[in-house]
């Protein structure tokens, strides 16, 4: 049942964010590309974290789940910062136009994945 609710929430978040990007309609195609790529990146990390955590929860070693979660969070933060720096430095995108929506995406996905990971960790 958790899996069904998780996927519904994930697809709802992705749908609403794509609608928001379309509604905002930035004139810069590179910015739109970077926002959509950031959305794909965060949703993929969220999906992988959920699926692998479901698998690791069944492990006999209770530390596998925690170690994997911490490594994924660290990796997600580092790749996210690298992605923003790449957009600002290499593609010369407007800092505010890029960082603000991506930070909102990051916070929403982090809340979503944390909620479901708490449910997984409490499950026997």
N, C-alpha and C. Protein backbone atom coordinates (compact mmCIF):
# COMPACT_ATOMS: atom_id res chain seq x y z
N UNK A 1 0.82 -1.19 0.00
CA UNK A 1 0.00 0.00 0.00
C UNK A 1 0.87 1.25 0.00
N UNK A 2 2.00 1.18 0.70
CA UNK A 2 2.89 2.34 0.73
C UNK A 2 3.39 2.64 -0.68
N UNK A 3 3.71 1.58 -1.43
CA UNK A 3 4.25 1.75 -2.78
C UNK A 3 3.25 2.47 -3.68
N UNK A 4 1.98 2.12 -3.57
CA UNK A 4 0.94 2.74 -4.39
C UNK A 4 0.82 4.24 -4.08
N UNK A 5 0.81 4.57 -2.81
CA UNK A 5 0.72 5.98 -2.41
C UNK A 5 1.98 6.74 -2.80
N UNK A 6 3.12 6.08 -2.67
CA UNK A 6 4.38 6.73 -3.04
C UNK A 6 4.37 7.12 -4.52
N UNK A 7 4.03 6.16 -5.38
CA UNK A 7 4.05 6.45 -6.82
C UNK A 7 3.01 7.49 -7.21
N UNK A 8 1.86 7.44 -6.58
CA UNK A 8 0.85 8.46 -6.86
C UNK A 8 1.38 9.84 -6.48
N UNK A 9 2.00 9.95 -5.31
CA UNK A 9 2.56 11.23 -4.88
C UNK A 9 3.68 11.70 -5.79
N UNK A 10 4.54 10.78 -6.21
CA UNK A 10 5.65 11.13 -7.08
C UNK A 10 5.15 11.65 -8.42
N UNK A 11 4.21 10.94 -9.04
CA UNK A 11 3.69 11.40 -10.32
C UNK A 11 2.90 12.69 -10.20
N UNK A 12 2.22 12.88 -9.10
CA UNK A 12 1.50 14.14 -8.87
C UNK A 12 2.48 15.31 -8.75
N UNK A 13 3.55 15.10 -8.02
CA UNK A 13 4.57 16.16 -7.88
C UNK A 13 5.18 16.48 -9.23
N UNK A 14 5.55 15.45 -9.99
CA UNK A 14 6.16 15.68 -11.31
C UNK A 14 5.19 16.42 -12.21
N UNK A 15 3.93 16.00 -12.22
CA UNK A 15 2.94 16.65 -13.07
C UNK A 15 2.77 18.13 -12.70
N UNK A 16 2.63 18.41 -11.41
CA UNK A 16 2.44 19.80 -10.98
C UNK A 16 3.66 20.67 -11.29
N UNK A 17 4.84 20.10 -11.17
CA UNK A 17 6.04 20.88 -11.46
C UNK A 17 6.21 21.14 -12.95
N UNK A 18 5.84 20.17 -13.79
CA UNK A 18 5.89 20.40 -15.23
C UNK A 18 4.88 21.47 -15.63
N UNK A 19 3.70 21.42 -15.03
CA UNK A 19 2.69 22.45 -15.30
C UNK A 19 3.22 23.81 -14.84
N UNK A 20 3.87 23.86 -13.69
CA UNK A 20 4.41 25.12 -13.19
C UNK A 20 5.50 25.66 -14.11
N UNK A 21 6.38 24.77 -14.59
CA UNK A 21 7.42 25.21 -15.53
C UNK A 21 6.78 25.73 -16.80
N UNK A 22 5.75 25.04 -17.29
CA UNK A 22 5.06 25.49 -18.51
C UNK A 22 4.34 26.81 -18.28
N UNK A 23 3.75 26.98 -17.11
CA UNK A 23 3.03 28.21 -16.80
C UNK A 23 3.99 29.38 -16.67
N UNK A 24 5.10 29.14 -16.03
CA UNK A 24 6.10 30.19 -15.86
C UNK A 24 6.64 30.61 -17.22
N UNK A 25 6.81 29.64 -18.12
CA UNK A 25 7.20 29.86 -19.51
C UNK A 25 8.39 30.80 -19.65
N UNK A 26 9.55 30.38 -19.18
CA UNK A 26 10.72 31.24 -19.37
C UNK A 26 11.07 31.37 -20.84
N UNK A 27 11.53 32.53 -21.23
CA UNK A 27 11.89 32.79 -22.62
C UNK A 27 13.16 32.06 -23.02
N UNK A 28 13.98 31.74 -22.05
CA UNK A 28 15.26 31.09 -22.30
C UNK A 28 15.08 29.58 -22.39
N UNK A 29 15.35 29.00 -23.55
CA UNK A 29 15.19 27.56 -23.73
C UNK A 29 16.19 26.77 -22.89
N UNK A 30 17.38 27.32 -22.68
CA UNK A 30 18.37 26.64 -21.83
C UNK A 30 17.87 26.55 -20.40
N UNK A 31 17.21 27.59 -19.93
CA UNK A 31 16.66 27.56 -18.57
C UNK A 31 15.56 26.51 -18.45
N UNK A 32 14.68 26.46 -19.43
CA UNK A 32 13.62 25.45 -19.42
C UNK A 32 14.22 24.05 -19.43
N UNK A 33 15.23 23.85 -20.26
CA UNK A 33 15.92 22.56 -20.32
C UNK A 33 16.54 22.21 -18.98
N UNK A 34 17.20 23.16 -18.34
CA UNK A 34 17.83 22.90 -17.05
C UNK A 34 16.80 22.62 -15.97
N UNK A 35 15.69 23.33 -15.98
CA UNK A 35 14.64 23.07 -14.99
C UNK A 35 14.05 21.67 -15.16
N UNK A 36 13.78 21.28 -16.40
CA UNK A 36 13.24 19.95 -16.65
C UNK A 36 14.27 18.86 -16.33
N UNK A 37 15.53 19.12 -16.64
CA UNK A 37 16.58 18.16 -16.32
C UNK A 37 16.72 18.03 -14.80
N UNK A 38 16.64 19.13 -14.08
CA UNK A 38 16.68 19.08 -12.62
C UNK A 38 15.52 18.30 -12.05
N UNK A 39 14.36 18.47 -12.66
CA UNK A 39 13.17 17.73 -12.23
C UNK A 39 13.37 16.23 -12.46
N UNK A 40 13.91 15.86 -13.61
CA UNK A 40 14.18 14.45 -13.91
C UNK A 40 15.22 13.90 -12.93
N UNK A 41 16.27 14.67 -12.68
CA UNK A 41 17.33 14.24 -11.76
C UNK A 41 16.76 13.98 -10.36
N UNK A 42 16.00 14.92 -9.84
CA UNK A 42 15.47 14.77 -8.47
C UNK A 42 14.45 13.64 -8.38
N UNK A 43 13.62 13.48 -9.40
CA UNK A 43 12.63 12.40 -9.36
C UNK A 43 13.31 11.04 -9.49
N UNK A 44 14.38 10.95 -10.26
CA UNK A 44 15.11 9.69 -10.38
C UNK A 44 15.78 9.32 -9.07
N UNK A 45 16.41 10.30 -8.43
CA UNK A 45 17.04 10.04 -7.13
C UNK A 45 15.99 9.63 -6.11
N UNK A 46 14.85 10.30 -6.11
CA UNK A 46 13.76 9.97 -5.18
C UNK A 46 13.31 8.53 -5.41
N UNK A 47 13.11 8.16 -6.66
CA UNK A 47 12.68 6.81 -7.01
C UNK A 47 13.71 5.76 -6.57
N UNK A 48 14.98 6.00 -6.90
CA UNK A 48 16.03 5.05 -6.54
C UNK A 48 16.15 4.90 -5.02
N UNK A 49 16.08 6.00 -4.33
CA UNK A 49 16.17 5.97 -2.87
C UNK A 49 15.03 5.14 -2.28
N UNK A 50 13.84 5.31 -2.79
CA UNK A 50 12.69 4.56 -2.28
C UNK A 50 12.82 3.07 -2.56
N UNK A 51 13.15 2.71 -3.80
CA UNK A 51 13.21 1.30 -4.17
C UNK A 51 14.35 0.57 -3.46
N UNK A 52 15.53 1.17 -3.43
CA UNK A 52 16.66 0.52 -2.78
C UNK A 52 16.45 0.45 -1.27
N UNK A 53 15.85 1.46 -0.70
CA UNK A 53 15.56 1.44 0.74
C UNK A 53 14.54 0.35 1.08
N UNK A 54 13.56 0.15 0.21
CA UNK A 54 12.62 -0.95 0.42
C UNK A 54 13.35 -2.28 0.45
N UNK A 55 14.31 -2.45 -0.44
CA UNK A 55 15.09 -3.68 -0.50
C UNK A 55 16.00 -3.83 0.73
N UNK A 56 16.68 -2.73 1.10
CA UNK A 56 17.62 -2.79 2.22
C UNK A 56 16.94 -2.97 3.57
N UNK A 57 15.70 -2.57 3.67
CA UNK A 57 14.98 -2.72 4.93
C UNK A 57 14.82 -4.20 5.30
N UNK A 58 14.82 -5.06 4.29
CA UNK A 58 14.67 -6.49 4.52
C UNK A 58 15.98 -7.15 4.95
N UNK A 59 17.07 -6.39 4.92
CA UNK A 59 18.38 -6.93 5.25
C UNK A 59 18.47 -7.26 6.75
N UNK A 60 19.33 -8.22 7.07
CA UNK A 60 19.55 -8.58 8.48
C UNK A 60 20.34 -7.52 9.23
N UNK A 61 21.16 -6.77 8.50
CA UNK A 61 21.98 -5.73 9.11
C UNK A 61 21.18 -4.42 9.13
N UNK A 62 20.80 -3.92 10.29
CA UNK A 62 19.97 -2.71 10.35
C UNK A 62 20.72 -1.44 9.92
N UNK A 63 22.03 -1.50 9.82
CA UNK A 63 22.80 -0.32 9.46
C UNK A 63 22.87 -0.10 7.95
N UNK A 64 22.55 -1.10 7.15
CA UNK A 64 22.58 -0.92 5.70
C UNK A 64 21.64 0.20 5.25
N UNK A 65 20.46 0.19 5.81
CA UNK A 65 19.45 1.18 5.44
C UNK A 65 19.94 2.59 5.77
N UNK A 66 20.46 2.78 6.97
CA UNK A 66 20.91 4.11 7.40
C UNK A 66 22.12 4.58 6.60
N UNK A 67 23.07 3.69 6.39
CA UNK A 67 24.27 4.07 5.62
C UNK A 67 23.92 4.44 4.19
N UNK A 68 23.06 3.65 3.58
CA UNK A 68 22.66 3.96 2.21
C UNK A 68 21.93 5.29 2.15
N UNK A 69 21.03 5.53 3.08
CA UNK A 69 20.28 6.78 3.10
C UNK A 69 21.22 7.98 3.22
N UNK A 70 22.17 7.89 4.14
CA UNK A 70 23.11 9.01 4.34
C UNK A 70 23.98 9.23 3.10
N UNK A 71 24.44 8.16 2.48
CA UNK A 71 25.26 8.29 1.27
C UNK A 71 24.45 8.90 0.12
N UNK A 72 23.20 8.50 -0.02
CA UNK A 72 22.37 9.05 -1.10
C UNK A 72 22.06 10.53 -0.87
N UNK A 73 21.81 10.91 0.35
CA UNK A 73 21.53 12.31 0.64
C UNK A 73 22.76 13.16 0.35
N UNK A 74 23.93 12.70 0.77
CA UNK A 74 25.17 13.42 0.49
C UNK A 74 25.42 13.51 -1.02
N UNK A 75 25.26 12.40 -1.71
CA UNK A 75 25.46 12.40 -3.16
C UNK A 75 24.48 13.30 -3.88
N UNK A 76 23.23 13.30 -3.43
CA UNK A 76 22.21 14.15 -4.05
C UNK A 76 22.56 15.62 -3.87
N UNK A 77 23.01 15.98 -2.69
CA UNK A 77 23.37 17.39 -2.44
C UNK A 77 24.55 17.81 -3.30
N UNK A 78 25.57 16.96 -3.38
CA UNK A 78 26.76 17.31 -4.16
C UNK A 78 26.44 17.42 -5.66
N UNK A 79 25.69 16.48 -6.18
CA UNK A 79 25.31 16.54 -7.60
C UNK A 79 24.39 17.73 -7.88
N UNK A 80 23.54 18.05 -6.94
CA UNK A 80 22.64 19.19 -7.11
C UNK A 80 23.43 20.50 -7.17
N UNK A 81 24.40 20.65 -6.29
CA UNK A 81 25.24 21.86 -6.30
C UNK A 81 26.04 21.91 -7.59
N UNK A 82 26.60 20.78 -8.02
CA UNK A 82 27.35 20.73 -9.27
C UNK A 82 26.46 21.11 -10.44
N UNK A 83 25.23 20.63 -10.44
CA UNK A 83 24.28 20.94 -11.51
C UNK A 83 23.99 22.44 -11.58
N UNK A 84 23.81 23.08 -10.44
CA UNK A 84 23.54 24.52 -10.41
C UNK A 84 24.76 25.30 -10.88
N UNK A 85 25.95 24.91 -10.40
CA UNK A 85 27.17 25.60 -10.82
C UNK A 85 27.38 25.44 -12.33
N UNK A 86 27.09 24.27 -12.86
CA UNK A 86 27.21 24.04 -14.30
C UNK A 86 26.28 24.98 -15.07
N UNK A 87 25.06 25.11 -14.61
CA UNK A 87 24.11 25.98 -15.30
C UNK A 87 24.50 27.44 -15.24
N UNK A 88 25.02 27.88 -14.12
CA UNK A 88 25.37 29.29 -13.95
C UNK A 88 26.69 29.63 -14.65
N UNK A 89 27.68 28.76 -14.49
CA UNK A 89 29.01 29.08 -15.03
C UNK A 89 29.12 28.76 -16.52
N UNK A 90 28.78 27.54 -16.89
CA UNK A 90 28.99 27.13 -18.28
C UNK A 90 27.94 27.70 -19.23
N UNK A 91 26.68 27.67 -18.82
CA UNK A 91 25.60 28.11 -19.71
C UNK A 91 25.14 29.53 -19.43
N UNK A 92 25.75 30.19 -18.48
CA UNK A 92 25.48 31.60 -18.15
C UNK A 92 24.00 31.88 -17.95
N UNK A 93 23.33 31.01 -17.19
CA UNK A 93 21.92 31.21 -16.89
C UNK A 93 21.77 32.18 -15.73
N UNK A 94 20.64 32.85 -15.68
CA UNK A 94 20.35 33.78 -14.60
C UNK A 94 20.29 33.01 -13.28
N UNK A 95 21.03 33.49 -12.30
CA UNK A 95 21.13 32.77 -11.02
C UNK A 95 19.79 32.63 -10.32
N UNK A 96 19.06 33.71 -10.23
CA UNK A 96 17.76 33.66 -9.54
C UNK A 96 16.76 32.79 -10.28
N UNK A 97 16.75 32.90 -11.59
CA UNK A 97 15.79 32.14 -12.38
C UNK A 97 16.07 30.64 -12.32
N UNK A 98 17.31 30.27 -12.06
CA UNK A 98 17.67 28.86 -11.98
C UNK A 98 17.59 28.32 -10.55
N UNK A 99 18.17 29.03 -9.62
CA UNK A 99 18.30 28.52 -8.26
C UNK A 99 16.95 28.47 -7.54
N UNK A 100 16.13 29.49 -7.69
CA UNK A 100 14.85 29.53 -6.96
C UNK A 100 13.95 28.34 -7.28
N UNK A 101 13.65 28.05 -8.55
CA UNK A 101 12.79 26.89 -8.81
C UNK A 101 13.44 25.57 -8.44
N UNK A 102 14.75 25.44 -8.70
CA UNK A 102 15.41 24.19 -8.37
C UNK A 102 15.46 23.95 -6.86
N UNK A 103 15.60 25.00 -6.09
CA UNK A 103 15.59 24.86 -4.64
C UNK A 103 14.19 24.44 -4.16
N UNK A 104 13.17 24.99 -4.76
CA UNK A 104 11.79 24.58 -4.43
C UNK A 104 11.59 23.11 -4.79
N UNK A 105 12.07 22.69 -5.97
CA UNK A 105 11.98 21.29 -6.37
C UNK A 105 12.69 20.40 -5.36
N UNK A 106 13.89 20.82 -4.98
CA UNK A 106 14.71 20.03 -4.05
C UNK A 106 13.99 19.85 -2.71
N UNK A 107 13.42 20.92 -2.20
CA UNK A 107 12.72 20.85 -0.91
C UNK A 107 11.50 19.95 -1.00
N UNK A 108 10.72 20.07 -2.07
CA UNK A 108 9.51 19.25 -2.22
C UNK A 108 9.87 17.77 -2.34
N UNK A 109 10.86 17.45 -3.15
CA UNK A 109 11.27 16.05 -3.29
C UNK A 109 11.87 15.51 -2.00
N UNK A 110 12.60 16.33 -1.27
CA UNK A 110 13.18 15.88 -0.01
C UNK A 110 12.09 15.58 1.01
N UNK A 111 11.07 16.42 1.08
CA UNK A 111 9.94 16.17 1.98
C UNK A 111 9.25 14.87 1.58
N UNK A 112 9.02 14.68 0.29
CA UNK A 112 8.34 13.48 -0.20
C UNK A 112 9.13 12.22 0.13
N UNK A 113 10.42 12.22 -0.17
CA UNK A 113 11.20 11.01 0.08
C UNK A 113 11.39 10.76 1.57
N UNK A 114 11.54 11.80 2.36
CA UNK A 114 11.71 11.62 3.81
C UNK A 114 10.46 11.03 4.44
N UNK A 115 9.30 11.49 4.02
CA UNK A 115 8.04 10.96 4.56
C UNK A 115 7.94 9.46 4.31
N UNK A 116 8.20 9.05 3.08
CA UNK A 116 8.07 7.63 2.76
C UNK A 116 9.20 6.79 3.34
N UNK A 117 10.38 7.36 3.49
CA UNK A 117 11.46 6.60 4.12
C UNK A 117 11.19 6.40 5.61
N UNK A 118 10.54 7.36 6.24
CA UNK A 118 10.15 7.18 7.64
C UNK A 118 9.12 6.04 7.75
N UNK A 119 8.19 6.00 6.81
CA UNK A 119 7.20 4.91 6.82
C UNK A 119 7.90 3.56 6.60
N UNK A 120 8.88 3.51 5.69
CA UNK A 120 9.60 2.27 5.45
C UNK A 120 10.38 1.85 6.69
N UNK A 121 11.03 2.79 7.34
CA UNK A 121 11.87 2.44 8.48
C UNK A 121 11.03 1.97 9.67
N UNK A 122 9.80 2.43 9.79
CA UNK A 122 8.94 2.00 10.89
C UNK A 122 8.26 0.66 10.62
N UNK A 123 8.24 0.28 9.36
CA UNK A 123 7.61 -0.99 8.98
C UNK A 123 8.48 -2.16 9.40
N UNK A 124 7.89 -3.21 9.83
CA UNK A 124 8.66 -4.39 10.26
C UNK A 124 9.01 -5.26 9.09
